[in-house]
Amino acid sequence: MKRFRTIKPIAYILGLAGGALFIVLLIREGAEQVGLAVARAGWGLLAVTLYHLGQTLSDAAGCLVLIPKANRVRLSSGFFLHWIGESINNLLPTARVGGDIVVARVAAMWGMPLRIAMGAMVVDVTIGVITKVFFILTYSVLLIAATGRTVLTRPALIAVLIGPLAVAGFYAVQRAGIFRLSARLASRLAKSPDWNSLVQGGETLDQAIRFLYTKHRAIAGCCLFWILSWIISSGEVWIALWALGLRPSFTAAVLFESATL
C-alpha cells in the first residue's frame, strides 16, 4: 500500500500535465478541425480505443511469459504497467526506452527483482525488434505484390539481408555481456573505485539476460505474442480507416501499419 501511496501523487501530477498538453496541442492543431474529425469517426473512435487495449494486453502477456513464475506479477498488474509505459513512450521522444525503464523500475517497486525486470525488458525489446524486422519484410513482399512495382525488389532484398544481420548483431552483443563491458568502460574513464558497483550491476544484468535466453519455450511464447501484437495493430488501422468512411482491405491496413514502423 505504501508503494501505491507514493505513486499516487506522481500519477496525479502526470495526469494534469498530460491534460494540459492535450489542450495545448488541441488549440495548436485547430480545435474545430479536430472536432470535425472526431465527429466523423463517431463511435468508431471508441471502438479503436477499446480495441487498442487488446494490443496492450498482448504486450503485457508477452513480457510476463519471459519472467519466472516465482517473480511474475499478475496479468492485470502487467497490463497496468505496460499501459503506463506505452503512455510515456507516446509522450516522450525516447522511442521505447523511456517507458520500458519506468515499467522495470515500477515492477521492482512491486517486489520483482530488478535484474529480472530489466533483463525481461531487454529481451522483450530484442524479440520485438526481431518480429518487427520480419513484419517489415512481409510488408515489403505485400507492397510489391499489391503495386506490381518490381523496382522495389532490390530494396526489399537489401532489407532481407541487412535486417537479420542487424538482429543477430543486437543479440550477439547481449550474449557478449554488453552491460558489463559498458559499465567497465565507464568505470575506467571515471577512474574511481566507486564505479565498481556499476560494473557488478552490469554483470548481474548480463547474467539475468543470458538466463532468460535459455528459456526457449518462454522466448517462443513471447515471439507469438509480439506477432499477435503486430496483427492487432494492423487491425486497429483497419478499424480506424473504416470509421473515417474508407473501405480498405486488411492487406492495405498492414501496409499502412508497416509504413509507420
Foldseek 3Di string as FASTA:
>chain_A
DVLCVVCVVVVVVVVVVVVVVVVVVCVVVDVVVVVVQCVLLPCLVVVLVVLLLVLLLLLLVLLQLLFDPVQGDDSVVSSVLSVQQVVCCVVDVPNSPPSLVSSLVVSVVVPHPSLLSVLSSLLLVLLLLLLLLVLLLVLLVLVCVVVVPCVSVVVSVVSVVVSVVVSVVSVVCLQVQVQLVVLVVVCVVVVDPVSVVSNVVSVSSSVSNVVSVVPVVSSVSSNVSSNVSLLSQLVSQCSSCVSNVDHDDSSVSSNVSSVVD
